[in-house]
Amino acid sequence: MNVLFHSITAIGLTVAFTDTSKPIKNIVFKNSCFVFLTGIIFHGILDYFPHCYPIPSQTDAIVSLLLMVVAILSAKGKYKLIVAASFAGNIFPDLIDLSFGILNKYLNLNIPVLPKIFPWHWPEYSGSIYNGDCNISNINHSIVVVTVLIICILKRKDFKSIFLTQKQE
């Protein structure tokens, strides 16, 4: 699945698992570890479901990086580590398994490519579709985006507390 959809999922996980009504100083490290590990698990789930790659890889990388930077910079200081950990967990499997191959392809390098560690990147467990029939993929991508939007709407107080500046009264 394109990195952008993993990045969108990172926002959903951050909001879903961060209760901003609790004192943050006691939960930052615990929450950061939790969303990192949960991000890895959700990465696997998303990659297992049938999917095409609707966004060209260079565009995907640039937009995803911009989303990550904007989200981390716009997160309030006390939540920055949780947001960064969520993004890191959601893209970690791709960094480990795919980054050397991508660097070789686009930068004309010759870095040794190691066997893939994460099973959802193995051909027998990957949901990648290469036959051009992307209807189910489009549905799956839509489900990811809509689910994250629903989480952000249902937990809008937490979303606002994490990402949006509160107006001073």
Protein backbone atom coordinates (compact mmCIF):
# COMPACT_ATOMS: atom_id res chain seq x y z
CA MET A 1 0.00 0.00 0.00
CA ASN A 2 1.24 3.51 -0.70
CA VAL A 3 3.06 5.15 2.20
CA LEU A 4 0.46 7.92 2.21
CA PHE A 5 -2.22 5.51 3.43
CA HIS A 6 0.10 4.26 6.18
CA SER A 7 0.73 7.90 7.11
CA ILE A 8 -2.98 8.65 7.23
CA THR A 9 -3.38 5.61 9.47
CA ALA A 10 -0.72 7.06 11.78
CA ILE A 11 -2.92 10.09 12.39
CA GLY A 12 -5.90 7.86 13.16
CA LEU A 13 -3.90 5.74 15.60
CA THR A 14 -2.49 8.81 17.32
CA VAL A 15 -5.93 10.27 17.88
CA ALA A 16 -7.57 6.93 18.74
CA PHE A 17 -5.05 6.01 21.41
CA THR A 18 -4.23 9.38 22.96
CA ASP A 19 -6.56 10.48 25.71
CA THR A 20 -5.82 14.16 26.11
CA SER A 21 -7.92 14.40 29.26
CA LYS A 22 -5.24 12.46 31.18
CA PRO A 23 -2.01 14.03 32.43
CA ILE A 24 0.41 13.64 29.51
CA LYS A 25 3.65 13.51 31.48
CA ASN A 26 2.78 10.05 32.81
CA ILE A 27 1.90 8.48 29.47
CA VAL A 28 4.14 9.95 26.77
CA PHE A 29 6.69 7.11 26.65
CA LYS A 30 4.08 4.37 27.15
CA ASN A 31 1.77 5.83 24.49
CA SER A 32 4.67 6.38 22.08
CA CYS A 33 5.75 2.74 22.37
CA PHE A 34 2.15 1.57 22.03
CA VAL A 35 1.37 3.57 18.87
CA PHE A 36 4.74 2.57 17.36
CA LEU A 37 4.01 -1.15 17.82
CA THR A 38 0.36 -0.77 16.84
CA GLY A 39 1.48 1.10 13.72
CA ILE A 40 3.63 -1.88 12.70
CA ILE A 41 0.67 -4.22 13.19
CA PHE A 42 -1.68 -1.97 11.22
CA HIS A 43 0.93 -1.69 8.46
CA GLY A 44 0.80 -5.46 8.14
CA ILE A 45 -2.98 -5.53 8.10
CA LEU A 46 -3.14 -2.86 5.39
CA ASP A 47 -0.48 -4.57 3.27
CA TYR A 48 -2.22 -7.94 3.60
CA PHE A 49 -5.51 -6.64 2.17
CA PRO A 50 -5.70 -6.47 -1.64
CA HIS A 51 -4.30 -3.20 -2.91
CA CYS A 52 -2.92 -1.44 -5.95
CA TYR A 53 -0.66 1.60 -5.87
CA PRO A 54 -2.81 4.52 -7.07
CA ILE A 55 -0.17 7.14 -6.30
CA PRO A 56 3.16 7.18 -8.19
CA SER A 57 5.99 6.32 -5.78
CA GLN A 58 7.84 9.65 -6.03
CA THR A 59 4.66 11.65 -5.43
CA ASP A 60 3.71 9.26 -2.64
CA ALA A 61 7.06 9.74 -0.88
CA ILE A 62 6.98 13.54 -1.16
CA VAL A 63 3.34 13.94 -0.02
CA SER A 64 3.81 11.44 2.80
CA LEU A 65 6.95 13.19 4.03
CA LEU A 66 5.16 16.54 3.93
CA LEU A 67 2.21 15.10 5.86
CA MET A 68 4.56 13.68 8.50
CA VAL A 69 6.49 16.92 8.89
CA VAL A 70 3.33 19.05 9.06
CA ALA A 71 1.68 16.69 11.57
CA ILE A 72 4.74 16.54 13.83
CA LEU A 73 5.34 20.28 13.66
CA SER A 74 1.69 21.12 14.29
CA ALA A 75 1.41 18.71 17.23
CA LYS A 76 1.62 20.43 20.57
CA GLY A 77 5.00 19.94 22.22
CA LYS A 78 3.82 17.38 24.73
CA TYR A 79 2.33 15.20 21.96
CA LYS A 80 5.13 15.44 19.38
CA LEU A 81 6.82 12.20 20.49
CA ILE A 82 3.56 10.25 20.29
CA VAL A 83 2.81 11.62 16.80
CA ALA A 84 6.36 10.91 15.59
CA ALA A 85 6.27 7.40 17.07
CA SER A 86 2.98 6.66 15.33
CA PHE A 87 4.37 7.74 11.95
CA ALA A 88 7.59 5.80 12.59
CA GLY A 89 5.71 2.61 13.42
CA ASN A 90 3.41 2.90 10.44
CA ILE A 91 6.28 3.26 7.96
CA PHE A 92 8.93 1.19 9.80
CA PRO A 93 8.29 -2.07 7.88
CA ASP A 94 8.74 -0.28 4.54
CA LEU A 95 11.93 1.42 5.75
CA ILE A 96 13.39 -1.93 6.80
CA ASP A 97 12.25 -4.08 3.88
CA LEU A 98 12.00 -1.72 0.92
CA SER A 99 14.22 1.34 1.38
CA PHE A 100 17.45 -0.12 -0.04
CA GLY A 101 15.70 -1.30 -3.20
CA ILE A 102 14.04 2.09 -3.64
CA LEU A 103 17.33 3.93 -3.08
CA ASN A 104 19.02 1.66 -5.63
CA LYS A 105 16.28 2.30 -8.17
CA TYR A 106 16.05 6.09 -7.90
CA LEU A 107 19.62 7.00 -6.99
CA ASN A 108 21.29 4.38 -9.18
CA LEU A 109 23.08 2.87 -6.17
CA ASN A 110 24.17 -0.70 -5.61
CA ILE A 111 23.30 -1.25 -1.93
CA PRO A 112 22.79 -4.94 -1.12
CA VAL A 113 19.08 -5.71 -0.70
CA LEU A 114 18.45 -8.07 2.19
CA PRO A 115 15.61 -10.59 2.35
CA LYS A 116 12.36 -9.06 3.57
CA ILE A 117 11.73 -9.44 7.32
CA PHE A 118 8.04 -8.61 7.49
CA PRO A 119 5.79 -11.41 6.14
CA TRP A 120 3.32 -9.03 4.48
CA HIS A 121 6.10 -8.05 2.10
CA TRP A 122 6.62 -11.68 1.07
CA PRO A 123 4.78 -12.55 -2.18
CA GLU A 124 2.56 -15.19 -0.57
CA TYR A 125 1.23 -12.80 2.11
CA SER A 126 1.23 -9.50 0.25
CA GLY A 127 -2.03 -8.11 -0.99
CA SER A 128 -0.35 -6.28 -3.86
CA ILE A 129 -2.38 -6.43 -7.06
CA TYR A 130 -0.51 -6.17 -10.34
CA ASN A 131 -3.16 -7.26 -12.85
CA GLY A 132 -4.76 -3.81 -13.19
CA ASP A 133 -8.08 -4.73 -11.52
CA CYS A 134 -8.04 -2.23 -8.68
CA ASN A 135 -11.74 -2.03 -7.77
CA ILE A 136 -11.36 -3.83 -4.43
CA SER A 137 -8.20 -1.82 -3.79
CA ASN A 138 -10.09 1.44 -4.29
CA ILE A 139 -12.68 0.26 -1.77
CA ASN A 140 -9.96 -0.71 0.72
CA HIS A 141 -8.18 2.64 0.35
CA SER A 142 -11.49 4.46 0.81
CA ILE A 143 -12.22 2.44 3.95
CA VAL A 144 -8.85 3.48 5.42
CA VAL A 145 -9.44 7.18 4.75
CA VAL A 146 -13.07 7.14 5.93
CA THR A 147 -12.17 5.20 9.09
CA VAL A 148 -9.48 7.74 10.02
CA LEU A 149 -11.90 10.61 9.33
CA ILE A 150 -14.52 8.97 11.56
CA ILE A 151 -11.96 8.51 14.35
CA CYS A 152 -10.91 12.15 14.07
CA ILE A 153 -14.53 13.31 14.13
CA LEU A 154 -15.56 11.08 17.03
CA LYS A 155 -12.45 12.08 18.99
CA ARG A 156 -12.36 15.67 17.73
CA LYS A 157 -11.59 16.99 21.21
CA ASP A 158 -8.43 14.85 21.30
CA PHE A 159 -7.61 15.73 17.68
CA LYS A 160 -7.88 19.44 18.48
CA SER A 161 -5.85 19.05 21.68
CA ILE A 162 -3.08 17.24 19.81
CA PHE A 163 -2.91 19.19 16.55
CA LEU A 164 -4.81 22.45 16.69
CA THR A 165 -3.95 25.59 18.60
CA GLN A 166 -6.64 26.53 21.06
CA LYS A 167 -7.89 30.11 20.92
CA GLN A 168 -7.11 32.15 24.01
CA GLU A 169 -10.22 33.64 25.61
